[in-house]
Amino acid sequence: MTRIISTVGPISSNKNIKIILKNSGIARLNMSHNTSAWHKKNINLIKKIDPDKYILVDIPGAKPRTLNTSAIEIKKDEKITFKFKPKKKIKSLISISNPLPKLLKKKIKYFSVSDGNFLFKFVSLKNNELIGVSCETFKLNPRKGLNVPFSVYDNKYQSRIYINFIKKISNFKFDCIGLSFVQDSKIINTLKNIYKNKIFISKIENYLGYKNRKEIIKASDAIMIDRGDLAAEVGNENLTDYVDDIIKDCKFYAKPIIIATENLNSLINSSTPSKSDILNLDYYISKKVDFIMLSDETATSKYWKNTLFWLKKYLQTKKKLLKSIKIINIQEILKKIDNQVLVIFSKKGYFLENLRGIHYSKLILFTENKDLSKSSNLKENINSFHIKFPKKNIDNFLFKNIKNKKNIIFKNNETAALLNVTFPRKKSRINTLIIITKKDF
């Protein structure tokens, strides 16, 4: 079942944390906002209430953020300069927190702020100075992220940021670390060697991270797909295909998947979700992702409780609507491995009745049923052996008999399907299928 990650923010902290913990699988704190003292206080409170609840800290990376302390009105067609460590304060210049990235493409048309919500026509990028022309009039709130398409961040600089920040919060009681803009596996392996007891969640959110996704997924404990940054970096038209590719590879390597950014934004200012948000949610539930993450929905919205309760109930309802689990039996499995070599250990031989309609290339039967042993040898493609079954050491018994007859079992084939009874009881039937190989005997 898909679960919830809830971000603890100013509106859902302190006395409200009990509600977050009761209705969420993981509690998240975004370290890019609020003070270290605020985070430490709430982390301690979470562990006091529920010591087993996982805490995810999302730590700042190399992505530049605006350093304005209050909202700035930016007008349409206004030329704005974003600069790292400007020497002078001038009009239409906004200071940013980190150096600007390099570009994989020399020419880009647009860049954006605030997860791609506000676009700028690209003018130039040089000497840690990015210039653009605003495509609309809007208010730029404090500490908003800057996204430049096809960006490449300095890995050494990003590693220093991570290591220094983790050192600063080393006495905090958290479990998981979220790493922004991971571009290859080197940074993950470095950090995992230093902090062996932490769970590392890599955020794939730019083109280079997508390109190197397989090595990132293999090295990480889990993957967060930040659709806001990813869309802003690679283009909205590529988002669905890129996300699908990341999910597919996470499934292949059996790594947990977290879907982030604007999952239920319609509930930030409303008591009911939009149809598009519901369709979006259903899409990721159908993909069997592990977590849906709530950010501003639980961190700053006055409707945060309603959002959390609604999502929890919706996920529970979806679980009930799933088709009932189909009963698995050996016969159904055998139908799917058509025309294979079967090695069957059946004390009384009753299981052979269940092989009607099953096509096999060869069947080797070991049984205590003397009459069955004789009659079975008359059938095409069957070799039957009369043996006594022991009461103990079944594994050794199976191994010994398979090894004795391996020339028959593995003639013209390297593998076979072994069928026998595990945890035998009175009147029990074959309930186990194992693939065995010639080289093991």
Protein backbone atom coordinates (compact mmCIF):
# COMPACT_ATOMS: atom_id res chain seq x y z
CA MET A 1 0.00 0.00 0.00
CA THR A 2 1.21 3.50 -0.84
CA ARG A 3 1.95 5.45 2.35
CA ILE A 4 2.35 9.11 3.31
CA ILE A 5 5.37 11.27 4.07
CA SER A 6 4.26 14.47 5.81
CA THR A 7 6.42 17.57 6.09
CA VAL A 8 6.44 19.13 9.54
CA GLY A 9 6.27 22.91 9.19
CA PRO A 10 5.35 25.98 11.21
CA ILE A 11 1.65 25.13 11.18
CA SER A 12 1.96 21.40 11.94
CA SER A 13 4.76 21.41 14.53
CA ASN A 14 4.80 21.26 18.34
CA LYS A 15 1.45 20.05 19.72
CA ASN A 16 0.24 19.08 16.23
CA ILE A 17 3.04 16.55 15.68
CA LYS A 18 0.95 13.74 17.22
CA ILE A 19 -1.51 14.09 14.33
CA ILE A 20 1.32 13.99 11.77
CA LEU A 21 2.81 10.85 13.32
CA LYS A 22 -0.50 9.02 13.66
CA ASN A 23 -1.38 9.51 10.00
CA SER A 24 2.02 9.31 8.27
CA GLY A 25 4.57 6.62 7.55
CA ILE A 26 7.51 9.06 7.72
CA ALA A 27 7.87 12.56 9.18
CA ARG A 28 9.91 14.96 7.04
CA LEU A 29 11.69 18.18 7.95
CA ASN A 30 12.94 20.51 5.22
CA MET A 31 16.24 21.88 6.54
CA SER A 32 16.22 24.68 3.93
CA HIS A 33 13.60 26.45 6.06
CA ASN A 34 13.45 27.41 9.76
CA THR A 35 16.37 27.39 12.21
CA SER A 36 18.47 24.46 13.41
CA ALA A 37 17.09 24.98 16.92
CA TRP A 38 13.52 24.71 15.59
CA HIS A 39 14.32 21.49 13.75
CA LYS A 40 16.12 19.95 16.74
CA LYS A 41 13.21 20.74 19.03
CA ASN A 42 10.67 19.09 16.72
CA ILE A 43 12.89 16.08 15.99
CA ASN A 44 13.28 15.47 19.73
CA LEU A 45 9.53 15.77 20.17
CA ILE A 46 8.87 13.25 17.38
CA LYS A 47 11.25 10.71 18.93
CA LYS A 48 9.73 11.28 22.36
CA ILE A 49 6.22 10.59 21.06
CA ASP A 50 7.17 7.73 18.72
CA PRO A 51 10.79 6.52 18.96
CA ASP A 52 10.29 4.11 16.04
CA LYS A 53 8.96 6.68 13.60
CA TYR A 54 11.42 7.36 10.78
CA ILE A 55 12.47 11.00 10.38
CA LEU A 56 13.62 12.26 6.99
CA VAL A 57 15.73 15.42 6.94
CA ASP A 58 15.94 17.06 3.53
CA ILE A 59 19.24 18.94 3.57
CA PRO A 60 20.17 21.89 1.34
CA GLY A 61 22.34 21.12 -1.68
CA ALA A 62 24.10 23.14 -4.35
CA LYS A 63 20.90 24.48 -5.93
CA PRO A 64 20.91 28.29 -5.68
CA ARG A 65 18.10 29.91 -3.68
CA THR A 66 17.17 33.57 -3.61
CA LEU A 67 18.30 35.38 -0.47
CA ASN A 68 15.48 37.93 -0.30
CA THR A 69 14.05 38.11 3.23
CA SER A 70 10.68 39.46 2.11
CA ALA A 71 8.49 39.18 -0.98
CA ILE A 72 9.71 41.07 -4.05
CA GLU A 73 7.35 42.22 -6.80
CA ILE A 74 8.77 41.43 -10.22
CA LYS A 75 7.04 42.89 -13.26
CA LYS A 76 6.54 41.41 -16.70
CA ASP A 77 9.42 42.21 -19.12
CA GLU A 78 11.61 43.36 -16.20
CA LYS A 79 15.26 42.36 -16.60
CA ILE A 80 16.49 40.63 -13.47
CA THR A 81 20.03 39.60 -12.51
CA PHE A 82 20.65 36.69 -10.15
CA LYS A 83 24.18 36.75 -8.71
CA PHE A 84 26.24 34.80 -6.20
CA LYS A 85 28.01 37.10 -3.71
CA PRO A 86 27.37 40.44 -5.46
CA LYS A 87 29.73 43.23 -4.45
CA LYS A 88 27.07 45.93 -4.75
CA LYS A 89 23.34 46.15 -4.09
CA ILE A 90 21.64 47.52 -7.17
CA LYS A 91 18.07 47.59 -8.44
CA SER A 92 16.82 44.45 -10.18
CA LEU A 93 19.65 42.36 -8.73
CA ILE A 94 18.80 39.38 -6.50
CA SER A 95 21.47 37.71 -4.43
CA ILE A 96 21.57 33.89 -4.45
CA SER A 97 22.89 31.37 -1.93
CA ASN A 98 25.18 29.20 -4.08
CA PRO A 99 27.28 29.41 -7.25
CA LEU A 100 25.37 29.00 -10.50
CA PRO A 101 25.66 25.68 -12.35
CA LYS A 102 27.32 25.10 -15.68
CA LEU A 103 25.18 24.23 -18.70
CA LEU A 104 25.17 21.06 -20.78
CA LYS A 105 23.60 23.10 -23.59
CA LYS A 106 25.08 26.42 -24.63
CA LYS A 107 21.76 27.91 -25.64
CA ILE A 108 18.58 27.69 -23.58
CA LYS A 109 15.39 29.69 -24.00
CA TYR A 110 14.09 29.92 -20.43
CA PHE A 111 14.95 29.40 -16.77
CA SER A 112 12.65 29.60 -13.74
CA VAL A 113 12.21 30.16 -10.01
CA SER A 114 9.98 28.43 -7.45
CA ASP A 115 9.86 24.91 -8.96
CA GLY A 116 9.24 26.21 -12.47
CA ASN A 117 6.24 28.35 -11.51
CA PHE A 118 7.70 31.62 -12.83
CA LEU A 119 9.59 31.79 -16.12
CA PHE A 120 12.35 34.11 -17.35
CA LYS A 121 13.60 34.47 -20.89
CA PHE A 122 17.28 33.56 -20.82
CA VAL A 123 19.72 36.38 -21.64
CA SER A 124 23.12 35.23 -20.38
CA LEU A 125 25.02 33.18 -17.80
CA LYS A 126 28.63 34.06 -16.99
CA ASN A 127 30.81 34.93 -14.00
CA ASN A 128 28.19 33.52 -11.59
CA GLU A 129 25.67 36.00 -12.94
CA LEU A 130 22.41 34.88 -14.54
CA ILE A 131 20.33 37.45 -16.42
CA GLY A 132 16.78 36.97 -17.61
CA VAL A 133 13.59 38.83 -18.55
CA SER A 134 10.47 37.98 -16.54
CA CYS A 135 7.61 36.47 -18.55
CA GLU A 136 4.98 37.68 -16.06
CA THR A 137 4.29 39.90 -13.09
CA PHE A 138 4.52 38.02 -9.79
CA LYS A 139 5.67 38.13 -6.18
CA LEU A 140 8.92 36.33 -5.45
CA ASN A 141 8.70 34.93 -1.93
CA PRO A 142 11.86 34.44 0.19
CA ARG A 143 14.33 31.59 -0.41
CA LYS A 144 12.89 30.28 -3.64
CA GLY A 145 14.91 27.85 -5.74
CA LEU A 146 16.42 28.79 -9.09
CA ASN A 147 16.24 26.21 -11.90
CA VAL A 148 18.38 26.46 -15.02
CA PRO A 149 17.60 23.76 -17.62
CA PHE A 150 20.33 21.22 -18.42
CA SER A 151 22.39 22.36 -15.47
CA VAL A 152 25.45 20.59 -14.06
CA TYR A 153 26.38 21.21 -10.44
CA ASP A 154 29.91 21.01 -9.06
CA ASN A 155 30.04 17.63 -7.28
CA LYS A 156 32.97 18.57 -5.03
CA TYR A 157 31.19 21.73 -3.91
CA GLN A 158 27.97 19.80 -3.36
CA SER A 159 29.80 17.11 -1.34
CA ARG A 160 31.32 19.78 0.92
CA ILE A 161 27.87 21.28 1.52
CA TYR A 162 26.42 17.89 2.46
CA ILE A 163 29.28 16.81 4.73
CA ASN A 164 29.42 20.17 6.53
CA PHE A 165 25.67 20.25 7.02
CA ILE A 166 25.45 16.66 8.28
CA LYS A 167 28.26 17.41 10.74
CA LYS A 168 26.29 20.41 11.98
CA ILE A 169 23.24 18.24 12.73
CA SER A 170 25.13 15.11 13.81
CA ASN A 171 23.56 15.20 17.29
CA PHE A 172 20.03 15.30 15.83
CA LYS A 173 18.06 12.03 16.08
CA PHE A 174 17.08 11.50 12.44
CA ASP A 175 17.04 8.32 10.33
CA CYS A 176 16.97 9.32 6.65
CA ILE A 177 18.87 11.96 4.68
CA GLY A 178 17.43 13.45 1.50
CA LEU A 179 20.11 14.53 -1.00
CA SER A 180 19.18 17.13 -3.62
CA PHE A 181 20.32 17.09 -7.25
CA VAL A 182 22.25 13.84 -7.11
CA GLN A 183 24.04 13.51 -10.46
CA ASP A 184 26.00 10.25 -10.06
CA SER A 185 26.74 7.52 -7.51
CA LYS A 186 30.07 8.91 -6.24
CA ILE A 187 28.56 11.34 -3.77
CA ILE A 188 26.23 8.67 -2.37
CA ASN A 189 29.02 6.12 -1.90
CA THR A 190 31.20 8.74 -0.20
CA LEU A 191 28.50 9.69 2.29
CA LYS A 192 27.42 6.09 2.95
CA ASN A 193 31.01 5.21 3.89
CA ILE A 194 31.07 8.07 6.40
CA TYR A 195 27.55 7.67 7.83
CA LYS A 196 26.93 3.92 7.77
CA ASN A 197 23.83 3.96 9.99
CA LYS A 198 21.81 6.44 7.92
CA ILE A 199 19.30 5.81 5.13
CA PHE A 200 20.19 7.83 2.02
CA ILE A 201 17.39 9.02 -0.24
CA SER A 202 18.63 10.45 -3.52
CA LYS A 203 16.56 13.05 -5.35
CA ILE A 204 16.68 12.73 -9.12
CA GLU A 205 15.76 16.19 -10.34
CA ASN A 206 17.93 17.27 -13.26
CA TYR A 207 18.99 15.90 -16.66
CA LEU A 208 22.35 14.54 -15.49
CA GLY A 209 20.67 12.74 -12.58
CA TYR A 210 18.16 11.22 -15.01
CA LYS A 211 20.91 10.19 -17.43
CA ASN A 212 22.85 8.46 -14.61
CA ARG A 213 19.70 7.18 -12.85
CA LYS A 214 20.64 3.49 -12.86
CA GLU A 215 23.91 3.95 -10.98
CA ILE A 216 22.20 6.41 -8.60
CA ILE A 217 19.33 4.00 -7.92
CA LYS A 218 21.69 1.06 -7.28
CA ALA A 219 23.78 3.09 -4.81
CA SER A 220 20.83 4.66 -2.94
CA ASP A 221 18.56 3.25 -0.24
CA ALA A 222 15.53 4.96 -1.82
CA ILE A 223 14.72 7.45 -4.58
CA MET A 224 12.70 10.65 -4.39
CA ILE A 225 11.34 11.95 -7.68
CA ASP A 226 11.04 15.71 -7.24
CA ARG A 227 8.75 16.49 -10.16
CA GLY A 228 8.92 20.24 -9.63
CA ASP A 229 12.66 20.59 -10.07
CA LEU A 230 12.81 17.81 -12.66
CA ALA A 231 10.17 19.47 -14.86
CA ALA A 232 11.90 22.84 -14.55
CA GLU A 233 15.25 21.29 -15.51
CA VAL A 234 14.23 19.00 -18.39
CA GLY A 235 10.97 20.56 -19.64
CA ASN A 236 7.33 19.76 -18.89
CA GLU A 237 7.03 17.84 -22.16
CA ASN A 238 9.62 15.28 -20.95
CA LEU A 239 8.41 14.92 -17.35
CA THR A 240 6.05 11.94 -17.69
CA ASP A 241 8.47 9.84 -19.75
CA TYR A 242 11.39 10.62 -17.43
CA VAL A 243 9.39 9.82 -14.29
CA ASP A 244 8.15 6.55 -15.82
CA ASP A 245 11.73 5.56 -16.64
CA ILE A 246 12.89 6.29 -13.09
CA ILE A 247 9.99 4.31 -11.58
CA LYS A 248 10.67 1.37 -13.90
CA ASP A 249 14.35 1.26 -12.93
CA CYS A 250 13.55 1.61 -9.21
CA LYS A 251 11.23 -1.39 -9.53
CA PHE A 252 13.95 -3.36 -11.32
CA TYR A 253 16.48 -2.68 -8.55
CA ALA A 254 13.81 -3.06 -5.80
CA LYS A 255 14.32 0.44 -4.38
CA PRO A 256 11.53 2.40 -2.62
CA ILE A 257 9.99 5.29 -4.59
CA ILE A 258 8.84 8.64 -3.18
CA ILE A 259 6.78 10.98 -5.36
CA ALA A 260 7.27 14.63 -4.37
CA THR A 261 6.03 18.11 -5.33
CA GLU A 262 2.45 19.37 -5.61
CA ASN A 263 0.70 16.06 -5.02
CA LEU A 264 -2.36 17.73 -3.48
CA ASN A 265 -1.75 21.43 -4.03
CA SER A 266 -5.46 22.02 -4.61
CA LEU A 267 -6.02 21.24 -0.91
CA ILE A 268 -3.67 24.00 0.24
CA ASN A 269 -6.46 26.56 -0.10
CA SER A 270 -9.49 24.30 -0.34
CA SER A 271 -11.26 21.55 1.58
CA THR A 272 -11.75 19.34 -1.51
CA PRO A 273 -9.13 18.23 -4.06
CA SER A 274 -9.28 19.02 -7.75
CA LYS A 275 -10.09 16.26 -10.24
CA SER A 276 -6.62 16.67 -11.79
CA ASP A 277 -4.99 16.06 -8.40
CA ILE A 278 -7.09 12.92 -7.93
CA LEU A 279 -6.15 11.63 -11.39
CA ASN A 280 -2.49 12.39 -10.65
CA LEU A 281 -2.75 10.51 -7.36
CA ASP A 282 -4.43 7.51 -8.98
CA TYR A 283 -1.69 7.35 -11.60
CA TYR A 284 1.05 6.93 -8.99
CA ILE A 285 -1.00 4.55 -6.86
CA SER A 286 -1.42 2.38 -9.97
CA LYS A 287 2.38 2.45 -10.34
CA LYS A 288 2.61 1.08 -6.79
CA VAL A 289 4.95 3.80 -5.55
CA ASP A 290 5.88 3.48 -1.89
CA PHE A 291 5.23 7.02 -0.68
CA ILE A 292 3.30 10.15 -1.64
CA MET A 293 4.99 13.15 -0.07
CA LEU A 294 3.14 16.19 1.23
CA SER A 295 5.20 19.39 1.39
CA ASP A 296 3.45 22.75 1.70
CA GLU A 297 0.21 20.78 2.02
CA THR A 298 1.13 19.92 5.65
CA ALA A 299 3.91 22.43 6.37
CA THR A 300 2.17 25.76 5.80
CA SER A 301 -1.47 25.27 4.77
CA LYS A 302 -4.25 26.06 7.23
CA TYR A 303 -6.11 23.06 5.79
CA TRP A 304 -3.24 20.67 6.59
CA LYS A 305 -5.31 18.38 8.85
CA ASN A 306 -8.03 18.04 6.26
CA THR A 307 -5.41 17.20 3.60
CA LEU A 308 -3.76 14.56 5.75
CA PHE A 309 -7.05 12.94 6.81
CA TRP A 310 -8.39 13.02 3.24
CA LEU A 311 -5.27 11.38 1.76
CA LYS A 312 -5.09 8.68 4.43
CA LYS A 313 -8.76 7.77 3.92
CA TYR A 314 -8.36 7.85 0.12
CA LEU A 315 -5.38 5.49 0.22
CA GLN A 316 -7.27 3.11 2.52
CA THR A 317 -10.28 3.18 0.21
CA LYS A 318 -8.07 2.44 -2.79
CA LYS A 319 -6.56 -0.51 -0.96
CA LYS A 320 -10.02 -1.99 -0.33
CA LEU A 321 -10.98 -1.52 -3.98
CA LEU A 322 -8.01 -3.53 -5.19
CA LYS A 323 -8.91 -6.93 -6.52
CA SER A 324 -8.74 -9.74 -3.98
CA ILE A 325 -5.48 -11.63 -3.97
CA LYS A 326 -5.60 -14.59 -6.31
CA ILE A 327 -4.91 -17.91 -4.61
CA ILE A 328 -1.62 -19.30 -5.87
CA ASN A 329 -1.30 -23.03 -6.50
CA ILE A 330 1.42 -25.19 -8.00
CA GLN A 331 -0.74 -26.23 -10.97
CA GLU A 332 -1.18 -22.61 -12.12
CA ILE A 333 2.55 -22.00 -11.85
CA LEU A 334 3.36 -25.16 -13.80
CA LYS A 335 1.14 -24.02 -16.65
CA LYS A 336 3.32 -20.96 -16.99
CA ILE A 337 6.59 -22.91 -17.16
CA ASP A 338 5.45 -25.08 -20.04
CA ASN A 339 7.67 -27.85 -21.49
CA GLN A 340 10.19 -28.05 -18.64
CA VAL A 341 11.89 -30.91 -16.77
CA LEU A 342 9.98 -31.77 -13.57
CA VAL A 343 11.54 -33.57 -10.59
CA ILE A 344 8.79 -34.70 -8.21
CA PHE A 345 9.12 -36.18 -4.71
CA SER A 346 5.64 -37.46 -3.79
CA LYS A 347 5.27 -40.03 -1.00
CA LYS A 348 1.93 -41.48 -2.16
CA GLY A 349 2.02 -40.03 -5.67
CA TYR A 350 -1.34 -38.29 -5.41
CA PHE A 351 0.09 -35.13 -6.95
CA LEU A 352 0.35 -36.77 -10.38
CA GLU A 353 -3.43 -36.43 -10.67
CA ASN A 354 -2.91 -32.66 -10.76
CA LEU A 355 -0.63 -32.80 -13.80
CA ARG A 356 -3.51 -33.14 -16.26
CA GLY A 357 -3.13 -30.44 -18.90
CA ILE A 358 0.47 -29.74 -17.83
CA HIS A 359 2.99 -30.09 -20.65
CA TYR A 360 6.48 -31.19 -19.59
CA SER A 361 9.49 -32.36 -21.57
CA LYS A 362 10.53 -34.93 -18.95
CA LEU A 363 9.30 -36.01 -15.51
CA ILE A 364 11.40 -37.76 -12.85
CA LEU A 365 9.32 -39.19 -9.99
CA PHE A 366 10.53 -40.36 -6.59
CA THR A 367 7.78 -42.14 -4.60
CA GLU A 368 7.07 -44.72 -1.86
CA ASN A 369 4.13 -46.00 -3.91
CA LYS A 370 5.61 -49.17 -5.41
CA ASP A 371 2.75 -49.82 -7.85
CA LEU A 372 2.78 -46.23 -9.08
CA SER A 373 6.53 -46.41 -9.50
CA LYS A 374 6.18 -49.37 -11.84
CA SER A 375 3.20 -48.12 -13.85
CA SER A 376 4.60 -44.60 -14.30
CA ASN A 377 7.63 -45.95 -16.14
CA LEU A 378 5.29 -47.14 -18.89
CA LYS A 379 4.35 -43.52 -19.70
CA GLU A 380 6.23 -41.42 -22.21
CA ASN A 381 8.92 -39.08 -20.82
CA ILE A 382 8.62 -40.40 -17.23
CA ASN A 383 11.35 -42.02 -15.14
CA SER A 384 10.07 -43.30 -11.81
CA PHE A 385 12.03 -44.54 -8.79
CA HIS A 386 10.77 -46.37 -5.73
CA ILE A 387 12.38 -44.98 -2.54
CA LYS A 388 11.71 -44.75 1.18
CA PHE A 389 11.06 -41.25 2.52
CA PRO A 390 12.80 -40.37 5.83
CA LYS A 391 11.12 -38.57 8.74
CA LYS A 392 14.10 -36.23 9.23
CA ASN A 393 16.86 -34.57 7.18
CA ILE A 394 14.64 -34.06 4.13
CA ASP A 395 17.12 -31.66 2.50
CA ASN A 396 19.90 -34.26 2.57
CA PHE A 397 17.45 -36.86 1.27
CA LEU A 398 16.48 -34.68 -1.69
CA PHE A 399 20.07 -33.76 -2.48
CA LYS A 400 21.31 -37.38 -2.35
CA ASN A 401 18.61 -38.70 -4.68
CA ILE A 402 18.91 -35.86 -7.18
CA LYS A 403 22.69 -36.29 -7.27
CA ASN A 404 22.34 -40.07 -7.82
CA LYS A 405 20.07 -39.49 -10.82
CA LYS A 406 21.58 -36.25 -12.12
CA ASN A 407 22.61 -37.84 -15.42
CA ILE A 408 18.95 -38.60 -16.12
CA ILE A 409 17.56 -35.35 -14.67
CA PHE A 410 20.02 -33.04 -16.42
CA LYS A 411 20.43 -34.87 -19.70
CA ASN A 412 20.14 -32.22 -22.47
CA ASN A 413 19.15 -29.52 -19.93
CA GLU A 414 20.91 -27.39 -17.30
CA THR A 415 17.91 -26.69 -15.04
CA ALA A 416 14.81 -28.44 -13.71
CA ALA A 417 11.78 -27.68 -11.53
CA LEU A 418 11.88 -29.53 -8.19
CA LEU A 419 8.45 -30.16 -6.60
CA ASN A 420 8.09 -31.48 -3.07
CA VAL A 421 6.31 -30.96 0.26
CA THR A 422 7.59 -28.34 2.71
CA PHE A 423 6.27 -28.47 6.30
CA PRO A 424 4.52 -31.84 5.74
CA ARG A 425 1.33 -32.71 7.59
CA LYS A 426 -1.23 -35.50 7.36
CA LYS A 427 -2.66 -35.74 3.82
CA SER A 428 -0.46 -32.84 2.70
CA ARG A 429 0.23 -32.30 -1.00
CA ILE A 430 3.17 -30.88 -2.88
CA ASN A 431 3.36 -27.17 -2.07
CA THR A 432 6.89 -26.10 -3.09
CA LEU A 433 8.54 -25.44 -6.44
CA ILE A 434 12.28 -24.73 -6.64
CA ILE A 435 14.44 -24.24 -9.73
CA ILE A 436 17.52 -26.46 -9.46
CA THR A 437 20.61 -26.34 -11.66
CA LYS A 438 23.04 -29.04 -12.80
CA LYS A 439 26.12 -27.33 -11.40
CA ASP A 440 24.69 -27.53 -7.86
CA PHE A 441 24.86 -31.32 -7.96
